[in-house]
Amino acid sequence: MKVYQITEILEKIAPLEIAEEWDNVGLIIGDKNKEVKKLLVALDINTEILKQAVDLGVDMIVVHHPLIFKPINRINDSILLSLIQNNIAVYASHTNLDNSELGVNSVLADVLSLKKVSREDMLAIGEINETSAFDFIAFVKKQLKVEAVRASNYELNKKIKKVAVLGGSGGDFVQQVANLKCDAFVTGEASYHDAQLAYENGLLLIAAGHFETENPVVDMLTQYLTDNTEAEVVKAQPFNVYISI
């Protein structure tokens, strides 16, 4: 298959037009007519993912986070140079995948077993079987395979039913979630002041990690591309730039 055929398939579920204006999505590096026999799916491109790509001999990498966000004046970055030298095409599906009905936040909602899911901007909103805040936090940790999360100060025996989720950086959505009368908001990262705002609004804010809340979409993309392309599709070995110590 050609690069452009794979990008067309990706854009069926995450059209470029639904990306945020500031974002840099689509084919970042490479020739759209390049033949793709093997591709790698990852959340990011860093030196570890690059090594996997080169070792595997892939022709293309599909990622969530764009490698280039802003215009560049020089191409002297070692990762960029290596991708070009190894003739590896790079395609990014970022906020268009966040905004997609099948994307990051819908996948996160599914991982957390939300029911009656609806969308509000990027947010996925749904319900869980009513449980205590303490048990819900434990459930989030289990589902996202994390040892610990950061949670706003909240009565741990208070009941949770209506939940909003947004993978990655969701602090800017705290007030919107509170206005929607949600009991809890699961996101990747949020600031101290976002937690203050959540507390004042009686909202349980759970910051479970940027990587942890977005990485589940890699499984979805891997399966989608496996089902819909002729290329050999490989899921990257996860690599989180943060470690727990």
Protein backbone atom coordinates (compact mmCIF):
# COMPACT_ATOMS: atom_id res chain seq x y z
CA MET A 1 0.00 0.00 0.00
CA LYS A 2 1.03 3.60 -0.51
CA VAL A 3 1.38 6.14 2.29
CA TYR A 4 -1.51 8.20 0.91
CA GLN A 5 -3.82 5.16 0.97
CA ILE A 6 -3.07 4.59 4.65
CA THR A 7 -3.61 8.26 5.46
CA GLU A 8 -6.97 8.16 3.69
CA ILE A 9 -7.99 5.21 5.86
CA LEU A 10 -6.90 7.04 9.01
CA GLU A 11 -8.80 10.15 8.00
CA LYS A 12 -12.03 8.17 7.75
CA ILE A 13 -12.11 8.04 11.54
CA ALA A 14 -10.17 11.23 12.29
CA PRO A 15 -10.56 13.82 9.49
CA LEU A 16 -7.93 16.54 9.45
CA GLU A 17 -10.67 19.18 9.41
CA ILE A 18 -11.71 18.42 12.99
CA ALA A 19 -8.22 19.10 14.40
CA GLU A 20 -7.73 22.28 16.44
CA GLU A 21 -6.45 25.26 14.46
CA TRP A 22 -3.11 25.37 16.30
CA ASP A 23 -2.35 21.69 15.70
CA ASN A 24 0.00 20.12 13.16
CA VAL A 25 -1.60 16.92 11.92
CA GLY A 26 -1.33 14.73 8.85
CA LEU A 27 1.76 13.58 6.98
CA ILE A 28 4.68 15.26 8.76
CA ILE A 29 7.58 13.50 7.01
CA GLY A 30 7.71 11.43 3.85
CA ASP A 31 6.54 10.88 0.32
CA LYS A 32 2.81 10.18 -0.01
CA ASN A 33 3.57 7.71 -2.82
CA LYS A 34 6.04 5.65 -0.80
CA GLU A 35 5.24 1.94 -0.57
CA VAL A 36 4.42 0.77 2.97
CA LYS A 37 4.89 -2.88 3.85
CA LYS A 38 5.33 -2.45 7.59
CA LEU A 39 4.20 0.34 9.91
CA LEU A 40 4.58 1.11 13.58
CA VAL A 41 1.88 2.66 15.78
CA ALA A 42 2.98 4.69 18.82
CA LEU A 43 1.85 7.52 21.04
CA ASP A 44 5.00 9.61 20.48
CA ILE A 45 8.23 9.59 18.58
CA ASN A 46 11.34 9.76 20.76
CA THR A 47 14.74 8.08 20.64
CA GLU A 48 13.33 4.84 22.06
CA ILE A 49 10.47 4.61 19.55
CA LEU A 50 12.85 5.60 16.75
CA LYS A 51 15.16 2.73 17.70
CA GLN A 52 12.22 0.31 17.60
CA ALA A 53 11.23 1.62 14.17
CA VAL A 54 14.72 1.29 12.71
CA ASP A 55 15.26 -2.15 14.25
CA LEU A 56 11.94 -3.36 12.84
CA GLY A 57 12.62 -1.88 9.43
CA VAL A 58 9.28 -0.08 9.24
CA ASP A 59 8.32 2.17 6.34
CA MET A 60 5.97 4.41 8.30
CA ILE A 61 5.12 5.48 11.85
CA VAL A 62 1.62 6.54 12.87
CA VAL A 63 1.64 8.59 16.06
CA HIS A 64 -0.73 10.63 18.18
CA HIS A 65 1.63 13.47 19.14
CA PRO A 66 3.14 15.42 16.22
CA LEU A 67 6.92 15.42 16.08
CA ILE A 68 6.87 18.99 14.75
CA PHE A 69 4.47 21.53 16.25
CA LYS A 70 5.90 24.82 15.08
CA PRO A 71 7.70 25.92 11.89
CA ILE A 72 11.40 25.04 11.92
CA ASN A 73 14.29 26.88 10.27
CA ARG A 74 16.80 24.05 10.27
CA ILE A 75 16.68 20.27 10.09
CA ASN A 76 19.44 19.31 12.51
CA ASP A 77 17.48 17.36 15.09
CA SER A 78 18.87 13.84 15.43
CA ILE A 79 15.44 12.19 15.40
CA LEU A 80 14.30 14.07 12.29
CA LEU A 81 17.56 13.33 10.52
CA SER A 82 17.37 9.64 11.34
CA LEU A 83 13.78 9.37 10.12
CA ILE A 84 14.72 11.03 6.84
CA GLN A 85 17.90 8.97 6.43
CA ASN A 86 15.96 5.75 7.05
CA ASN A 87 13.17 6.86 4.71
CA ILE A 88 10.48 6.46 7.38
CA ALA A 89 7.26 8.37 6.78
CA VAL A 90 5.57 9.92 9.83
CA TYR A 91 1.87 10.65 10.16
CA ALA A 92 0.30 12.36 13.20
CA SER A 93 -3.32 12.13 14.27
CA HIS A 94 -3.57 14.43 17.28
CA THR A 95 -6.49 16.69 18.18
CA ASN A 96 -8.46 15.29 15.25
CA LEU A 97 -8.22 11.94 17.02
CA ASP A 98 -9.14 13.64 20.32
CA ASN A 99 -12.24 15.11 18.67
CA SER A 100 -13.17 11.93 16.83
CA GLU A 101 -16.19 9.96 17.98
CA LEU A 102 -13.96 6.87 17.82
CA GLY A 103 -10.79 8.45 19.17
CA VAL A 104 -8.79 9.00 22.34
CA ASN A 105 -11.59 10.00 24.67
CA SER A 106 -14.10 7.46 23.44
CA VAL A 107 -11.47 4.75 23.92
CA LEU A 108 -10.73 6.05 27.43
CA ALA A 109 -14.46 6.03 28.22
CA ASP A 110 -14.60 2.42 27.09
CA VAL A 111 -11.57 1.43 29.18
CA LEU A 112 -13.30 2.94 32.23
CA SER A 113 -16.58 1.13 31.42
CA LEU A 114 -18.66 4.27 30.97
CA LYS A 115 -22.23 3.70 29.77
CA LYS A 116 -24.63 6.03 27.92
CA VAL A 117 -21.64 7.93 26.55
CA SER A 118 -22.17 11.30 24.89
CA ARG A 119 -19.77 13.96 23.63
CA GLU A 120 -19.33 17.59 24.66
CA ASP A 121 -16.51 19.14 22.64
CA MET A 122 -13.52 16.85 23.30
CA LEU A 123 -15.07 15.42 26.46
CA ALA A 124 -16.63 11.98 26.63
CA ILE A 125 -19.32 11.85 29.31
CA GLY A 126 -21.07 8.81 30.67
CA GLU A 127 -22.24 6.91 33.70
CA ILE A 128 -20.85 4.12 35.83
CA ASN A 129 -22.56 1.87 38.33
CA GLU A 130 -22.72 4.09 41.38
CA THR A 131 -19.74 3.59 43.65
CA SER A 132 -17.71 5.47 46.25
CA ALA A 133 -14.99 7.92 45.26
CA PHE A 134 -12.45 5.64 46.95
CA ASP A 135 -13.51 2.61 44.91
CA PHE A 136 -13.69 4.61 41.69
CA ILE A 137 -10.13 5.87 42.14
CA ALA A 138 -9.00 2.28 42.73
CA PHE A 139 -10.86 1.20 39.57
CA VAL A 140 -9.19 3.92 37.49
CA LYS A 141 -5.76 2.84 38.74
CA LYS A 142 -6.51 -0.79 37.90
CA GLN A 143 -7.88 -0.08 34.42
CA LEU A 144 -5.05 2.26 33.45
CA LYS A 145 -2.41 0.07 35.11
CA VAL A 146 -0.97 2.84 37.29
CA GLU A 147 0.34 2.57 40.82
CA ALA A 148 -0.90 5.99 41.87
CA VAL A 149 -2.92 8.95 40.61
CA ARG A 150 -3.32 12.53 41.77
CA ALA A 151 -6.82 13.33 42.99
CA SER A 152 -8.39 16.53 44.24
CA ASN A 153 -9.39 16.66 47.89
CA TYR A 154 -12.75 14.89 48.03
CA GLU A 155 -14.91 12.91 50.44
CA LEU A 156 -13.85 9.37 49.65
CA ASN A 157 -17.16 7.84 50.71
CA LYS A 158 -19.15 10.20 48.48
CA LYS A 159 -20.93 8.48 45.59
CA ILE A 160 -19.77 8.73 41.97
CA LYS A 161 -22.05 8.08 39.00
CA LYS A 162 -21.66 10.69 36.23
CA VAL A 163 -18.12 10.83 34.87
CA ALA A 164 -16.31 12.89 32.23
CA VAL A 165 -13.02 11.82 30.66
CA LEU A 166 -10.40 13.53 28.54
CA GLY A 167 -7.06 11.93 27.79
CA GLY A 168 -3.90 14.00 28.07
CA SER A 169 -3.98 17.55 29.38
CA GLY A 170 -7.51 18.36 30.55
CA GLY A 171 -7.14 21.01 33.22
CA ASP A 172 -8.77 23.68 31.08
CA PHE A 173 -12.00 21.66 31.04
CA VAL A 174 -12.58 21.47 34.81
CA GLN A 175 -15.18 24.24 34.95
CA GLN A 176 -17.00 22.88 31.91
CA VAL A 177 -17.15 19.43 33.52
CA ALA A 178 -18.42 20.94 36.77
CA ASN A 179 -21.10 22.87 34.85
CA LEU A 180 -22.23 19.57 33.34
CA LYS A 181 -22.92 18.32 36.89
CA CYS A 182 -20.44 15.46 36.67
CA ASP A 183 -19.31 13.78 39.87
CA ALA A 184 -15.81 12.97 38.59
CA PHE A 185 -13.41 13.99 35.84
CA VAL A 186 -10.61 11.68 34.74
CA THR A 187 -7.83 13.27 32.73
CA GLY A 188 -4.10 12.91 32.27
CA GLU A 189 -2.73 16.02 33.90
CA ALA A 190 -4.04 19.15 35.57
CA SER A 191 -2.51 21.98 37.56
CA TYR A 192 -2.71 22.79 41.26
CA HIS A 193 -5.17 25.59 40.46
CA ASP A 194 -7.29 23.21 38.39
CA ALA A 195 -7.52 20.98 41.46
CA GLN A 196 -8.55 23.99 43.55
CA LEU A 197 -11.29 24.76 41.06
CA ALA A 198 -12.47 21.16 41.13
CA TYR A 199 -12.58 21.21 44.93
CA GLU A 200 -14.61 24.42 45.02
CA ASN A 201 -17.08 22.89 42.58
CA GLY A 202 -17.45 19.62 44.47
CA LEU A 203 -15.84 17.69 41.61
CA LEU A 204 -13.51 14.73 41.99
CA LEU A 205 -10.59 15.44 39.66
CA ILE A 206 -8.33 12.49 38.90
CA ALA A 207 -5.05 13.15 37.06
CA ALA A 208 -3.95 9.67 36.03
CA GLY A 209 -1.06 10.56 33.72
CA HIS A 210 -0.84 12.01 30.22
CA PHE A 211 0.67 8.85 28.76
CA GLU A 212 -1.60 6.51 30.71
CA THR A 213 -4.85 8.18 29.61
CA GLU A 214 -3.89 8.45 25.94
CA ASN A 215 -1.92 5.28 25.28
CA PRO A 216 -5.02 3.02 25.10
CA VAL A 217 -5.81 4.61 21.72
CA VAL A 218 -2.65 2.96 20.34
CA ASP A 219 -4.37 -0.42 20.70
CA MET A 220 -7.40 0.88 18.82
CA LEU A 221 -5.32 2.33 15.99
CA THR A 222 -3.23 -0.82 15.72
CA GLN A 223 -6.33 -2.98 15.36
CA TYR A 224 -8.02 -0.54 12.99
CA LEU A 225 -5.01 -0.43 10.67
CA THR A 226 -4.58 -4.21 10.86
CA ASP A 227 -8.19 -4.67 9.80
CA ASN A 228 -8.20 -2.04 7.06
CA THR A 229 -4.76 -2.09 5.41
CA GLU A 230 -2.54 -4.63 3.70
CA ALA A 231 0.53 -3.55 5.67
CA GLU A 232 2.03 -5.43 8.57
CA VAL A 233 1.05 -3.32 11.58
CA VAL A 234 3.17 -3.37 14.74
CA LYS A 235 2.26 -1.79 18.06
CA ALA A 236 5.27 -0.02 19.59
CA GLN A 237 6.54 -1.20 22.93
CA PRO A 238 5.19 1.46 25.31
CA PHE A 239 7.69 4.05 26.46
CA ASN A 240 6.65 6.61 29.07
CA VAL A 241 9.01 9.55 29.61
CA TYR A 242 7.90 9.60 33.26
CA ILE A 243 8.76 6.88 35.75
CA SER A 244 7.30 6.16 39.19
CA ILE A 245 9.88 5.95 41.99
